[in-house]
Amino acid sequence: MNRLILRRELRIFVPLVLLLCAIAGYGLFEGRRIIEGPRLSIETPYDGSATSSSRVLLSGEAQNISFLTINGLPAYVDESGHFSAALSPAPGYAIFTVAATDRFGRQVSREVHITVLNYCAVSTG
């Protein structure tokens, strides 16, 4: 009789444990974005590049963020996580800093260093 009771308990216990494991696994899978924190990448300009243009397009992608700044000023991100800003650095060496914060206060930042060349038009003649 004890075997019969044990089998009934196992019939209830084993599926319940499997269900709880599945729920916990799904929760961890969906929560991975929250666990890993904010992600940030700068696509353009390339670090160490040089330009002679007076305007530089800074663009990149941010995930799992609630606030984004470019050189300390608020920036906006579209639904897919892309951001861009047209900047006008002075000639010489320029550093652009992009910082992101998630809803838990965790921060991440990336920098891009570029050189802005100052070409003057030379007239011949």
Protein backbone atom coordinates (compact mmCIF):
# COMPACT_ATOMS: atom_id res chain seq x y z
CA MET A 1 0.00 0.00 0.00
CA ASN A 2 2.91 2.34 0.69
CA ARG A 3 4.13 1.82 -2.89
CA LEU A 4 0.74 2.89 -4.23
CA ILE A 5 0.78 6.11 -2.21
CA LEU A 6 4.37 6.81 -3.26
CA ARG A 7 3.47 6.36 -6.96
CA ARG A 8 0.56 8.79 -6.65
CA GLU A 9 2.78 11.35 -4.97
CA LEU A 10 5.40 10.95 -7.67
CA ARG A 11 2.77 11.39 -10.40
CA ILE A 12 1.94 14.78 -8.93
CA PHE A 13 5.42 15.79 -7.75
CA VAL A 14 7.47 15.11 -10.93
CA PRO A 15 5.27 17.13 -13.36
CA LEU A 16 5.09 19.93 -10.80
CA VAL A 17 8.89 20.08 -10.50
CA LEU A 18 9.26 20.04 -14.31
CA LEU A 19 6.74 22.86 -14.62
CA LEU A 20 8.53 24.96 -12.02
CA CYS A 21 11.88 24.38 -13.76
CA ALA A 22 10.38 25.44 -17.09
CA ILE A 23 8.92 28.61 -15.56
CA ALA A 24 12.23 29.48 -13.88
CA GLY A 25 14.17 28.85 -17.11
CA TYR A 26 11.80 31.03 -19.11
CA GLY A 27 12.06 33.79 -16.48
CA LEU A 28 15.86 33.75 -16.66
CA PHE A 29 15.76 33.75 -20.46
CA GLU A 30 13.47 36.78 -20.59
CA GLY A 31 15.28 38.54 -17.76
CA ARG A 32 18.72 38.28 -19.33
CA ARG A 33 18.43 41.79 -20.80
CA ILE A 34 17.76 43.21 -17.36
CA ILE A 35 20.54 41.16 -15.81
CA GLU A 36 23.22 42.14 -18.35
CA GLY A 37 22.56 45.90 -18.05
CA PRO A 38 22.85 48.61 -20.71
CA ARG A 39 24.66 47.96 -23.99
CA LEU A 40 26.15 50.71 -26.11
CA SER A 41 28.10 50.79 -29.38
CA ILE A 42 29.26 53.64 -31.61
CA GLU A 43 29.14 52.89 -35.34
CA THR A 44 30.40 56.18 -36.81
CA PRO A 45 32.85 57.87 -36.78
CA TYR A 46 35.56 55.29 -36.36
CA ASP A 47 37.88 55.74 -33.42
CA GLY A 48 41.13 57.40 -34.54
CA SER A 49 39.72 58.62 -37.85
CA ALA A 50 40.34 62.04 -39.40
CA THR A 51 37.96 64.31 -41.26
CA SER A 52 38.10 67.68 -42.98
CA SER A 53 34.35 68.21 -42.67
CA SER A 54 33.03 70.78 -40.22
CA ARG A 55 30.10 68.47 -39.34
CA VAL A 56 30.50 64.97 -37.96
CA LEU A 57 27.67 62.43 -37.79
CA LEU A 58 27.88 60.41 -34.59
CA SER A 59 25.67 57.32 -34.70
CA GLY A 60 25.34 54.05 -32.89
CA GLU A 61 23.07 51.63 -31.10
CA ALA A 62 21.94 51.42 -27.48
CA GLN A 63 19.97 48.60 -25.83
CA ASN A 64 18.39 48.26 -22.37
CA ILE A 65 18.69 51.96 -21.57
CA SER A 66 16.43 54.61 -20.11
CA PHE A 67 18.65 57.68 -20.63
CA LEU A 68 21.33 58.56 -23.21
CA THR A 69 23.71 61.51 -23.43
CA ILE A 70 26.20 62.62 -26.07
CA ASN A 71 28.91 64.88 -24.64
CA GLY A 72 26.69 65.45 -21.61
CA LEU A 73 23.59 66.53 -23.56
CA PRO A 74 20.44 64.40 -23.77
CA ALA A 75 20.08 62.33 -26.95
CA TYR A 76 17.18 60.36 -28.34
CA VAL A 77 16.94 56.73 -29.35
CA ASP A 78 14.42 55.32 -31.84
CA GLU A 79 12.36 52.15 -31.25
CA SER A 80 15.07 49.91 -32.67
CA GLY A 81 17.76 51.40 -30.40
CA HIS A 82 19.58 53.57 -32.96
CA PHE A 83 20.75 57.08 -32.19
CA SER A 84 22.49 59.78 -34.22
CA ALA A 85 23.61 63.36 -33.77
CA ALA A 86 25.24 65.88 -36.08
CA LEU A 87 28.10 67.57 -34.23
CA SER A 88 30.34 70.50 -35.18
CA PRO A 89 33.68 70.05 -33.45
CA ALA A 90 36.44 72.64 -33.60
CA PRO A 91 39.49 71.82 -35.74
CA GLY A 92 42.00 69.66 -33.94
CA TYR A 93 41.60 66.67 -31.67
CA ALA A 94 38.02 65.89 -30.59
CA ILE A 95 36.61 63.39 -28.13
CA PHE A 96 32.94 62.38 -28.27
CA THR A 97 31.53 60.66 -25.20
CA VAL A 98 28.27 58.70 -25.31
CA ALA A 99 26.86 57.58 -21.96
CA ALA A 100 23.82 55.44 -21.21
CA THR A 101 21.96 54.63 -18.00
CA ASP A 102 19.42 51.86 -17.47
CA ARG A 103 16.39 52.02 -15.18
CA PHE A 104 18.39 50.54 -12.29
CA GLY A 105 21.06 53.26 -12.45
CA ARG A 106 23.76 51.14 -14.07
CA GLN A 107 25.88 53.17 -16.47
CA VAL A 108 28.06 52.50 -19.46
CA SER A 109 29.97 54.92 -21.67
CA ARG A 110 31.98 54.83 -24.88
CA GLU A 111 34.39 57.36 -26.39
CA VAL A 112 35.47 58.10 -29.93
CA HIS A 113 38.61 60.11 -30.63
CA ILE A 114 38.88 61.85 -34.00
CA THR A 115 41.00 64.52 -35.64
CA VAL A 116 39.29 67.40 -37.43
CA LEU A 117 41.61 68.79 -40.09
CA ASN A 118 41.54 72.49 -40.92
CA TYR A 119 42.04 72.88 -44.64
CA CYS A 120 42.21 76.35 -46.09
CA ALA A 121 41.43 76.96 -49.72
CA VAL A 122 44.52 78.07 -51.63
CA SER A 123 44.03 80.27 -54.64
CA THR A 124 46.56 80.06 -57.40
CA GLY A 125 47.03 82.74 -59.72
